[in-house]
Amino acid sequence: MLVWFIATGFLHLIPERVLPSPVAVAQRFLELIAEPFAGTTLFGHAFASLSRWMLGVLSAVVIGVPLGFLLAWIPVVRAVVAPAFELLRYIPPFAWIPIAVLWLGANTSAQALVVFVAAFPAIVINSRLGVAQTDPLLLKASRVLGASSMRTLVSVVAPVAAPVSFTGIRIGFGNGWMALVGAELVVGKQGLGNLILQGQANLSTPTIVVGMVSIALIATLFDALLQRAQHMLFRWSPRKSSR
């Protein structure tokens, strides 16, 4: 921050059109809070991005966690689903943007689909890993005590796998956020990605930097909240499992 301020705001070694000073960014930040730009204020753009992001990542959680458990627990599901999943998860999320627009139109649903595609693999993989790492002695003890396969999965495996699965959710949230911003750069009328794009179109470098900083701050805040929730929910889990 000090080097940035000295190089741009004090010595003026870098033109503002290349990199604005922190003071110029702060001024533009306050302006965007109060005045609409590209259709709405900064908070409006942030809310639009958050709405699409939450729709995509929550869908990925609802589908991805049970699928990860089933892939690790039921051989038939693993044999049928795993090959297709392994093939599709290597397709970059941005490659889905054109087909998402063709399917759903240039709207919130298309962007949420891109978020879903970005978040889904990490959630499935970590949920599957959590189940696979369950101590075999616990499974044997459950069977000896007469528990059914489903009861073992729900009462024994799920609590053990939960910390690792939650780590996958954290990763999925981050992947989905980055994919959303990329999708908004391509399609969308509101959102932080579109704010950056409109800043470029208007040759307003401070607007671009405000959008970038806002993206970073929101992601950092949500990850901190998820870390806090992870520590509160899984106090019984070893520290290494919640990293």
Protein backbone atom coordinates (compact mmCIF):
# COMPACT_ATOMS: atom_id res chain seq x y z
CA MET A 1 0.00 0.00 0.00
CA LEU A 2 2.84 2.40 0.86
CA VAL A 3 4.70 1.72 -2.39
CA TRP A 4 1.44 2.09 -4.32
CA PHE A 5 0.73 5.46 -2.68
CA ILE A 6 4.26 6.79 -3.18
CA ALA A 7 4.48 5.68 -6.82
CA THR A 8 1.07 7.00 -7.84
CA GLY A 9 -0.16 9.65 -5.43
CA PHE A 10 3.09 11.22 -4.24
CA LEU A 11 5.76 10.90 -6.96
CA HIS A 12 3.28 10.36 -9.82
CA LEU A 13 5.59 7.82 -11.47
CA ILE A 14 2.64 5.92 -12.94
CA PRO A 15 -0.14 7.68 -14.91
CA GLU A 16 -3.62 7.41 -13.38
CA ARG A 17 -4.99 5.79 -16.54
CA VAL A 18 -2.56 2.92 -15.88
CA LEU A 19 -2.86 2.67 -12.09
CA PRO A 20 -4.79 5.23 -10.01
CA SER A 21 -3.61 6.26 -6.55
CA PRO A 22 -5.28 4.85 -3.42
CA VAL A 23 -6.80 8.28 -2.84
CA ALA A 24 -8.42 8.29 -6.29
CA VAL A 25 -9.72 4.77 -5.72
CA ALA A 26 -11.17 5.74 -2.33
CA GLN A 27 -12.86 8.79 -3.86
CA ARG A 28 -14.33 6.70 -6.67
CA PHE A 29 -15.47 4.12 -4.13
CA LEU A 30 -17.48 6.77 -2.26
CA GLU A 31 -18.90 8.09 -5.51
CA LEU A 32 -20.07 4.65 -6.61
CA ILE A 33 -21.78 4.09 -3.28
CA ALA A 34 -23.88 7.22 -3.71
CA GLU A 35 -24.22 7.58 -7.48
CA PRO A 36 -25.48 4.96 -9.98
CA PHE A 37 -23.00 3.72 -12.57
CA ALA A 38 -23.91 1.23 -15.29
CA GLY A 39 -27.47 1.10 -14.01
CA THR A 40 -27.05 0.98 -10.24
CA THR A 41 -24.80 1.85 -7.30
CA LEU A 42 -21.87 -0.23 -6.06
CA PHE A 43 -24.11 -1.96 -3.53
CA GLY A 44 -26.57 -2.78 -6.30
CA HIS A 45 -23.83 -4.41 -8.37
CA ALA A 46 -22.57 -6.31 -5.33
CA PHE A 47 -26.09 -7.54 -4.50
CA ALA A 48 -26.64 -8.70 -8.09
CA SER A 49 -23.39 -10.68 -8.00
CA LEU A 50 -24.15 -12.16 -4.58
CA SER A 51 -27.64 -13.26 -5.68
CA ARG A 52 -26.31 -15.19 -8.69
CA TRP A 53 -23.43 -16.59 -6.67
CA MET A 54 -25.61 -17.87 -3.83
CA LEU A 55 -28.04 -19.47 -6.27
CA GLY A 56 -25.21 -21.33 -8.00
CA VAL A 57 -23.20 -22.43 -4.95
CA LEU A 58 -26.20 -23.48 -2.87
CA SER A 59 -27.40 -25.63 -5.76
CA ALA A 60 -23.92 -27.15 -5.95
CA VAL A 61 -23.97 -27.90 -2.20
CA VAL A 62 -27.44 -29.45 -2.27
CA ILE A 63 -26.52 -31.76 -5.15
CA GLY A 64 -22.77 -32.16 -4.66
CA VAL A 65 -22.58 -33.29 -1.02
CA PRO A 66 -25.06 -36.20 -1.36
CA LEU A 67 -23.51 -37.20 -4.69
CA GLY A 68 -20.03 -37.29 -3.14
CA PHE A 69 -21.29 -39.49 -0.32
CA LEU A 70 -23.04 -41.85 -2.73
CA LEU A 71 -20.00 -42.09 -5.02
CA ALA A 72 -17.87 -43.26 -2.11
CA TRP A 73 -20.48 -45.47 -0.48
CA ILE A 74 -22.33 -47.26 -3.29
CA PRO A 75 -20.20 -49.07 -5.91
CA VAL A 76 -22.96 -49.07 -8.52
CA VAL A 77 -23.32 -45.29 -8.35
CA ARG A 78 -19.55 -44.92 -8.55
CA ALA A 79 -19.34 -47.17 -11.60
CA VAL A 80 -22.09 -45.30 -13.44
CA VAL A 81 -21.49 -41.68 -12.45
CA ALA A 82 -17.75 -41.39 -11.76
CA PRO A 83 -16.54 -41.71 -15.39
CA ALA A 84 -18.87 -38.95 -16.59
CA PHE A 85 -18.02 -36.75 -13.61
CA GLU A 86 -14.27 -37.17 -14.14
CA LEU A 87 -14.70 -36.22 -17.80
CA LEU A 88 -16.89 -33.17 -17.24
CA ARG A 89 -15.02 -31.69 -14.30
CA TYR A 90 -12.03 -30.84 -16.49
CA ILE A 91 -14.09 -28.56 -18.72
CA PRO A 92 -13.34 -24.96 -17.59
CA PRO A 93 -16.38 -23.10 -16.21
CA PHE A 94 -15.96 -20.32 -18.77
CA ALA A 95 -16.37 -22.86 -21.57
CA TRP A 96 -19.95 -23.33 -20.35
CA ILE A 97 -20.88 -19.66 -20.80
CA PRO A 98 -21.98 -19.88 -24.48
CA ILE A 99 -24.10 -22.97 -23.96
CA ALA A 100 -25.53 -21.58 -20.71
CA VAL A 101 -26.65 -18.48 -22.60
CA LEU A 102 -28.16 -20.64 -25.38
CA TRP A 103 -30.03 -22.77 -22.84
CA LEU A 104 -31.16 -20.10 -20.38
CA GLY A 105 -30.60 -16.73 -22.04
CA ALA A 106 -28.33 -13.92 -20.91
CA ASN A 107 -29.76 -13.70 -17.41
CA THR A 108 -29.21 -14.67 -13.79
CA SER A 109 -29.88 -18.36 -14.42
CA ALA A 110 -27.10 -18.64 -17.01
CA GLN A 111 -24.58 -17.01 -14.68
CA ALA A 112 -25.73 -19.19 -11.78
CA LEU A 113 -25.15 -22.25 -13.97
CA VAL A 114 -21.54 -21.16 -14.56
CA VAL A 115 -21.12 -20.75 -10.79
CA PHE A 116 -22.61 -24.20 -10.25
CA VAL A 117 -20.19 -25.77 -12.73
CA ALA A 118 -17.23 -24.10 -11.00
CA ALA A 119 -18.25 -25.00 -7.45
CA PHE A 120 -19.61 -28.51 -8.01
CA PRO A 121 -16.40 -30.55 -8.56
CA ALA A 122 -14.62 -29.43 -5.37
CA ILE A 123 -17.72 -30.14 -3.28
CA VAL A 124 -18.21 -33.62 -4.76
CA ILE A 125 -14.52 -34.56 -4.53
CA ASN A 126 -14.12 -33.50 -0.90
CA SER A 127 -17.38 -35.12 0.17
CA ARG A 128 -16.28 -38.34 -1.49
CA LEU A 129 -12.84 -38.06 0.11
CA GLY A 130 -14.34 -37.53 3.55
CA VAL A 131 -16.36 -40.73 3.28
CA ALA A 132 -13.40 -42.69 1.90
CA GLN A 133 -11.22 -41.62 4.85
CA THR A 134 -13.59 -43.04 7.46
CA ASP A 135 -11.79 -45.43 9.81
CA PRO A 136 -12.67 -49.03 8.80
CA LEU A 137 -12.84 -49.97 12.49
CA LEU A 138 -15.78 -47.62 12.93
CA LEU A 139 -17.57 -49.30 10.03
CA LYS A 140 -16.91 -52.75 11.44
CA ALA A 141 -18.12 -51.70 14.88
CA SER A 142 -21.30 -50.30 13.38
CA ARG A 143 -22.02 -53.52 11.52
CA VAL A 144 -21.30 -55.64 14.60
CA LEU A 145 -23.83 -53.57 16.54
CA GLY A 146 -26.43 -54.33 13.86
CA ALA A 147 -26.65 -51.02 12.04
CA SER A 148 -27.87 -51.09 8.46
CA SER A 149 -25.79 -49.65 5.63
CA MET A 150 -27.89 -46.48 5.49
CA ARG A 151 -27.82 -46.06 9.28
CA THR A 152 -24.04 -46.44 9.23
CA LEU A 153 -23.76 -43.83 6.48
CA VAL A 154 -25.95 -41.33 8.34
CA SER A 155 -24.86 -41.90 11.94
CA VAL A 156 -21.20 -42.90 11.58
CA VAL A 157 -19.79 -41.87 8.22
CA ALA A 158 -21.50 -38.49 7.78
CA PRO A 159 -20.17 -36.95 11.03
CA VAL A 160 -16.66 -38.19 10.24
CA ALA A 161 -16.78 -36.91 6.65
CA ALA A 162 -18.42 -33.58 7.50
CA PRO A 163 -15.24 -31.53 8.18
CA VAL A 164 -13.60 -32.58 4.91
CA SER A 165 -16.87 -32.05 3.06
CA PHE A 166 -17.17 -28.56 4.54
CA THR A 167 -13.67 -27.76 3.32
CA GLY A 168 -14.89 -28.68 -0.15
CA ILE A 169 -17.80 -26.28 0.30
CA ARG A 170 -15.37 -23.49 1.15
CA ILE A 171 -13.32 -24.24 -1.96
CA GLY A 172 -16.47 -24.43 -4.05
CA PHE A 173 -17.64 -21.05 -2.77
CA GLY A 174 -14.33 -19.49 -3.82
CA ASN A 175 -14.29 -21.17 -7.22
CA GLY A 176 -17.89 -20.14 -7.85
CA TRP A 177 -17.18 -16.51 -6.95
CA MET A 178 -14.26 -16.28 -9.37
CA ALA A 179 -16.26 -17.95 -12.13
CA LEU A 180 -19.20 -15.60 -11.57
CA VAL A 181 -17.08 -12.50 -12.06
CA GLY A 182 -15.68 -13.98 -15.26
CA ALA A 183 -19.19 -14.73 -16.51
CA GLU A 184 -20.31 -11.18 -15.71
CA LEU A 185 -17.45 -9.83 -17.81
CA VAL A 186 -18.94 -11.67 -20.78
CA VAL A 187 -22.67 -11.48 -20.18
CA GLY A 188 -24.82 -9.48 -17.78
CA LYS A 189 -26.06 -5.93 -17.27
CA GLN A 190 -25.32 -5.66 -13.55
CA GLY A 191 -22.77 -7.13 -11.18
CA LEU A 192 -19.21 -6.43 -10.15
CA GLY A 193 -17.81 -8.04 -13.29
CA ASN A 194 -19.98 -5.81 -15.43
CA LEU A 195 -18.91 -2.82 -13.32
CA ILE A 196 -15.29 -3.55 -14.22
CA LEU A 197 -16.18 -3.96 -17.89
CA GLN A 198 -18.07 -0.65 -17.93
CA GLY A 199 -15.13 1.01 -16.19
CA GLN A 200 -12.89 -0.15 -19.03
CA ALA A 201 -15.39 1.08 -21.64
CA ASN A 202 -15.46 4.51 -19.98
CA LEU A 203 -11.66 4.62 -19.54
CA SER A 204 -12.19 4.87 -15.78
CA THR A 205 -9.33 2.97 -14.18
CA PRO A 206 -10.43 3.90 -10.63
CA THR A 207 -13.77 2.21 -11.33
CA ILE A 208 -11.97 -0.94 -12.44
CA VAL A 209 -9.86 -1.01 -9.29
CA VAL A 210 -12.90 -0.37 -7.08
CA GLY A 211 -14.58 -3.39 -8.67
CA MET A 212 -11.50 -5.54 -8.13
CA VAL A 213 -11.12 -4.46 -4.50
CA SER A 214 -14.83 -5.06 -3.86
CA ILE A 215 -14.55 -8.57 -5.28
CA ALA A 216 -11.60 -9.32 -3.00
CA LEU A 217 -13.23 -7.86 0.11
CA ILE A 218 -16.49 -9.76 -0.35
CA ALA A 219 -14.68 -13.05 -0.97
CA THR A 220 -12.42 -12.53 2.05
CA LEU A 221 -15.39 -11.73 4.28
CA PHE A 222 -17.35 -14.81 3.23
CA ASP A 223 -14.35 -17.09 3.59
CA ALA A 224 -13.71 -15.74 7.09
CA LEU A 225 -17.36 -16.40 7.99
CA LEU A 226 -17.11 -19.94 6.61
CA GLN A 227 -13.91 -20.58 8.56
CA ARG A 228 -15.60 -19.37 11.71
CA ALA A 229 -18.62 -21.56 11.05
CA GLN A 230 -16.34 -24.53 10.40
CA HIS A 231 -14.58 -24.14 13.74
CA MET A 232 -17.88 -23.74 15.57
CA LEU A 233 -19.58 -26.70 13.89
CA PHE A 234 -16.68 -29.11 14.11
CA ARG A 235 -14.98 -28.36 17.43
CA TRP A 236 -14.63 -32.10 17.97
CA SER A 237 -12.68 -32.54 14.76
CA PRO A 238 -8.85 -32.50 14.67
CA ARG A 239 -7.51 -29.07 13.69
CA LYS A 240 -5.87 -30.44 10.55
CA SER A 241 -9.25 -31.57 9.18
CA SER A 242 -10.65 -28.03 9.11
CA ARG A 243 -7.89 -26.38 7.12
